[in-house]
Amino acid sequence: MNSNHARVCTSPEWAQKLQTSVLPTVTAGAELGTVMLEVGPGPGAATDWLRHRVERLVAVEYEQPAAEALAARFAGTNVEVHHGDATALTFADDTFDSVACFTMLHHVPTRALQDRLLAEVLRVLRPGGVLVGSDSLPGDGLHHFHEGDTYNPVEPSGFLPRLQTLGFEKLTIGVGGRLTFVAHKPGAAASR
């Protein structure tokens, strides 16, 4: 994480923006169920909001220091933090009712790894489960913001066919100030 991320992504202003405009919009109408997986939570701005919408939230963070800080921050809550790689999840098939992925896909170094991450998400979702997320739109400003850091933006026009090819259905893609997406695993949602 470069100094820009350390300054902006851990700020209360970023958490407030994410929690008041992005998260409520993307999750509106989505059935999150009781058990959610969050991939790439970073400092936990989305985690703090999401944990109040499900009974159990499992977070997988790639960077060990961030995972340790997140585990300490949410100790004693309904959040379970794992240090791991979302392109090779260790969970069984059909484990989660929902998966959240907020402002992290552009940190995955290649399109192939992004697709592997999304395929893993599909695998661990229960039939009828939902993926909700958002990411930054490509641009010069964001490119400069990520100087010295991994920056592989998702091209919005190609994202829907990528999700379809992987096997997601009932897709909603939004492009405004950011890319937003909701996608479902085929099959009926399990009654709980």
Protein backbone atom coordinates (compact mmCIF):
# COMPACT_ATOMS: atom_id res chain seq x y z
CA MET A 1 0.00 0.00 0.00
CA ASN A 2 1.49 3.33 -1.01
CA SER A 3 1.24 6.48 1.12
CA ASN A 4 -1.88 7.65 -0.76
CA HIS A 5 -3.75 4.54 0.36
CA ALA A 6 -2.48 4.83 3.91
CA ARG A 7 -3.78 8.39 4.03
CA VAL A 8 -7.09 8.12 2.14
CA CYS A 9 -8.34 4.55 2.57
CA THR A 10 -7.95 4.59 6.34
CA SER A 11 -9.57 8.00 6.77
CA PRO A 12 -12.94 8.51 8.48
CA GLU A 13 -14.03 10.52 5.39
CA TRP A 14 -13.49 7.51 3.09
CA ALA A 15 -15.35 5.20 5.48
CA GLN A 16 -18.25 7.65 5.67
CA LYS A 17 -18.45 8.00 1.88
CA LEU A 18 -18.38 4.24 1.42
CA GLN A 19 -20.92 3.61 4.18
CA THR A 20 -23.39 6.36 3.27
CA SER A 21 -23.41 6.29 -0.52
CA VAL A 22 -21.76 3.19 -2.00
CA LEU A 23 -22.75 0.31 0.30
CA PRO A 24 -26.44 1.18 0.73
CA THR A 25 -26.85 1.66 -3.03
CA VAL A 26 -25.12 -1.56 -4.06
CA THR A 27 -26.79 -3.75 -1.44
CA ALA A 28 -30.30 -2.29 -1.83
CA GLY A 29 -32.62 -5.15 -2.67
CA ALA A 30 -29.91 -7.81 -2.39
CA GLU A 31 -30.66 -10.76 -0.12
CA LEU A 32 -27.42 -10.97 1.89
CA GLY A 33 -28.51 -13.96 4.00
CA THR A 34 -26.84 -14.79 7.29
CA VAL A 35 -23.24 -15.65 6.35
CA MET A 36 -21.18 -13.30 4.17
CA LEU A 37 -17.63 -13.40 2.83
CA GLU A 38 -15.81 -10.13 2.25
CA VAL A 39 -12.74 -10.34 0.02
CA GLY A 40 -10.05 -7.69 0.25
CA PRO A 41 -11.40 -5.67 3.18
CA GLY A 42 -8.19 -3.65 3.65
CA PRO A 43 -8.66 -1.40 6.69
CA GLY A 44 -12.30 -2.50 7.12
CA ALA A 45 -14.34 0.54 6.09
CA ALA A 46 -16.91 -1.72 4.40
CA THR A 47 -16.50 -4.45 7.03
CA ASP A 48 -17.77 -2.18 9.77
CA TRP A 49 -20.98 -1.51 7.83
CA LEU A 50 -21.50 -5.02 6.46
CA ARG A 51 -21.14 -6.78 9.82
CA HIS A 52 -24.39 -5.18 10.98
CA ARG A 53 -26.32 -6.69 8.04
CA VAL A 54 -25.44 -10.38 8.54
CA GLU A 55 -25.09 -12.78 11.46
CA ARG A 56 -21.53 -13.78 10.53
CA LEU A 57 -18.99 -11.99 8.35
CA VAL A 58 -15.82 -13.76 7.22
CA ALA A 59 -13.14 -11.43 5.82
CA VAL A 60 -10.19 -12.63 3.72
CA GLU A 61 -7.31 -10.16 3.47
CA TYR A 62 -4.19 -10.79 1.37
CA GLU A 63 -1.79 -8.48 3.22
CA GLN A 64 -0.85 -9.99 6.58
CA PRO A 65 -0.38 -6.71 8.51
CA ALA A 66 -3.81 -5.53 7.33
CA ALA A 67 -5.37 -8.88 8.30
CA GLU A 68 -3.81 -8.70 11.75
CA ALA A 69 -4.99 -5.12 12.28
CA LEU A 70 -8.49 -6.04 11.10
CA ALA A 71 -8.62 -9.08 13.40
CA ALA A 72 -7.62 -6.92 16.36
CA ARG A 73 -10.13 -4.23 15.44
CA PHE A 74 -13.07 -6.66 15.21
CA ALA A 75 -12.08 -9.08 17.99
CA GLY A 76 -15.14 -10.18 19.95
CA THR A 77 -17.61 -9.29 17.18
CA ASN A 78 -19.32 -11.36 14.49
CA VAL A 79 -16.33 -10.78 12.16
CA GLU A 80 -13.85 -13.60 11.54
CA VAL A 81 -10.67 -12.49 9.74
CA HIS A 82 -8.44 -14.77 7.67
CA HIS A 83 -5.10 -13.94 6.10
CA GLY A 84 -5.30 -15.51 2.66
CA ASP A 85 -5.49 -15.26 -1.10
CA ALA A 86 -8.98 -14.81 -2.57
CA THR A 87 -7.81 -16.42 -5.83
CA ALA A 88 -7.42 -19.69 -3.90
CA LEU A 89 -10.04 -19.67 -1.13
CA THR A 90 -9.84 -22.47 1.42
CA PHE A 91 -13.60 -22.65 2.03
CA ALA A 92 -15.82 -25.48 0.80
CA ASP A 93 -18.15 -25.08 -2.15
CA ASP A 94 -21.51 -23.43 -1.40
CA THR A 95 -20.44 -21.97 1.97
CA PHE A 96 -21.66 -18.36 1.85
CA ASP A 97 -25.01 -16.68 1.27
CA SER A 98 -23.30 -13.56 -0.09
CA VAL A 99 -19.90 -12.17 -1.00
CA ALA A 100 -18.80 -8.53 -0.86
CA CYS A 101 -15.97 -7.03 -2.86
CA PHE A 102 -15.51 -3.26 -2.45
CA THR A 103 -12.81 -1.16 -4.10
CA MET A 104 -10.25 -3.94 -4.29
CA LEU A 105 -10.40 -5.60 -7.72
CA HIS A 106 -8.05 -2.98 -9.20
CA HIS A 107 -5.40 -4.20 -6.71
CA VAL A 108 -5.40 -7.67 -8.29
CA PRO A 109 -2.42 -7.56 -10.67
CA THR A 110 -3.84 -9.27 -13.78
CA ARG A 111 -7.19 -9.84 -15.43
CA ALA A 112 -6.59 -13.59 -15.23
CA LEU A 113 -6.18 -13.35 -11.44
CA GLN A 114 -9.26 -11.14 -11.18
CA ASP A 115 -11.20 -13.81 -13.06
CA ARG A 116 -9.78 -16.54 -10.83
CA LEU A 117 -10.89 -14.54 -7.77
CA LEU A 118 -14.39 -14.14 -9.24
CA ALA A 119 -14.50 -17.87 -10.07
CA GLU A 120 -13.58 -18.68 -6.47
CA VAL A 121 -16.33 -16.33 -5.28
CA LEU A 122 -18.82 -18.18 -7.48
CA ARG A 123 -17.61 -21.53 -6.15
CA VAL A 124 -18.04 -20.62 -2.46
CA LEU A 125 -21.43 -18.94 -2.95
CA ARG A 126 -24.50 -21.05 -2.19
CA PRO A 127 -26.94 -21.57 -5.08
CA GLY A 128 -28.88 -18.33 -5.49
CA GLY A 129 -26.24 -16.44 -3.49
CA VAL A 130 -25.23 -12.91 -4.41
CA LEU A 131 -21.99 -11.08 -5.10
CA VAL A 132 -22.18 -7.33 -4.37
CA GLY A 133 -19.38 -4.90 -5.03
CA SER A 134 -17.89 -1.80 -6.49
CA ASP A 135 -14.61 -0.60 -7.84
CA SER A 136 -13.00 2.59 -9.04
CA LEU A 137 -13.29 3.59 -12.66
CA PRO A 138 -10.09 3.75 -14.74
CA GLY A 139 -8.57 7.19 -15.13
CA ASP A 140 -5.37 9.21 -15.10
CA GLY A 141 -6.00 10.55 -11.60
CA LEU A 142 -6.41 7.06 -10.18
CA HIS A 143 -3.36 5.88 -12.11
CA HIS A 144 -1.25 8.60 -10.47
CA PHE A 145 -2.84 7.89 -7.08
CA HIS A 146 -1.56 4.29 -7.37
CA GLU A 147 2.00 5.19 -8.35
CA GLY A 148 4.30 2.50 -6.98
CA ASP A 149 1.32 0.29 -6.14
CA THR A 150 -0.61 -2.42 -8.01
CA TYR A 151 -3.16 -0.79 -10.31
CA ASN A 152 -5.12 -2.93 -12.76
CA PRO A 153 -8.49 -1.23 -13.28
CA VAL A 154 -11.56 -3.16 -14.36
CA GLU A 155 -12.87 -2.03 -17.74
CA PRO A 156 -16.62 -1.55 -17.17
CA SER A 157 -17.69 -2.40 -20.74
CA GLY A 158 -16.15 -5.86 -20.51
CA PHE A 159 -17.10 -6.72 -16.95
CA LEU A 160 -20.63 -8.02 -17.61
CA PRO A 161 -19.47 -10.60 -20.21
CA ARG A 162 -16.64 -11.65 -17.90
CA LEU A 163 -19.12 -12.38 -15.10
CA GLN A 164 -21.45 -14.19 -17.52
CA THR A 165 -18.60 -16.32 -18.88
CA LEU A 166 -17.67 -17.35 -15.35
CA GLY A 167 -21.27 -18.49 -14.74
CA PHE A 168 -22.95 -15.63 -12.85
CA GLU A 169 -26.52 -14.69 -13.73
CA LYS A 170 -29.06 -11.98 -12.85
CA LEU A 171 -26.42 -9.30 -13.34
CA THR A 172 -26.69 -5.60 -12.67
CA ILE A 173 -23.78 -3.38 -13.64
CA GLY A 174 -23.76 0.34 -12.90
CA VAL A 175 -21.35 2.98 -14.11
CA GLY A 176 -21.62 6.39 -12.52
CA GLY A 177 -18.94 7.79 -10.29
CA ARG A 178 -17.74 4.19 -9.90
CA LEU A 179 -18.37 0.68 -11.21
CA THR A 180 -21.01 -1.17 -9.17
CA PHE A 181 -22.13 -4.75 -9.62
CA VAL A 182 -24.56 -7.32 -8.32
CA ALA A 183 -24.38 -10.89 -9.65
CA HIS A 184 -25.99 -14.16 -8.56
CA LYS A 185 -24.93 -17.79 -8.56
CA PRO A 186 -27.45 -19.87 -10.50
CA GLY A 187 -29.92 -21.94 -8.53
CA ALA A 188 -32.56 -21.35 -5.92
CA ALA A 189 -31.55 -19.67 -2.70
CA ALA A 190 -31.51 -22.17 0.12
CA SER A 191 -34.25 -21.63 2.67
CA ARG A 192 -32.77 -21.01 6.09
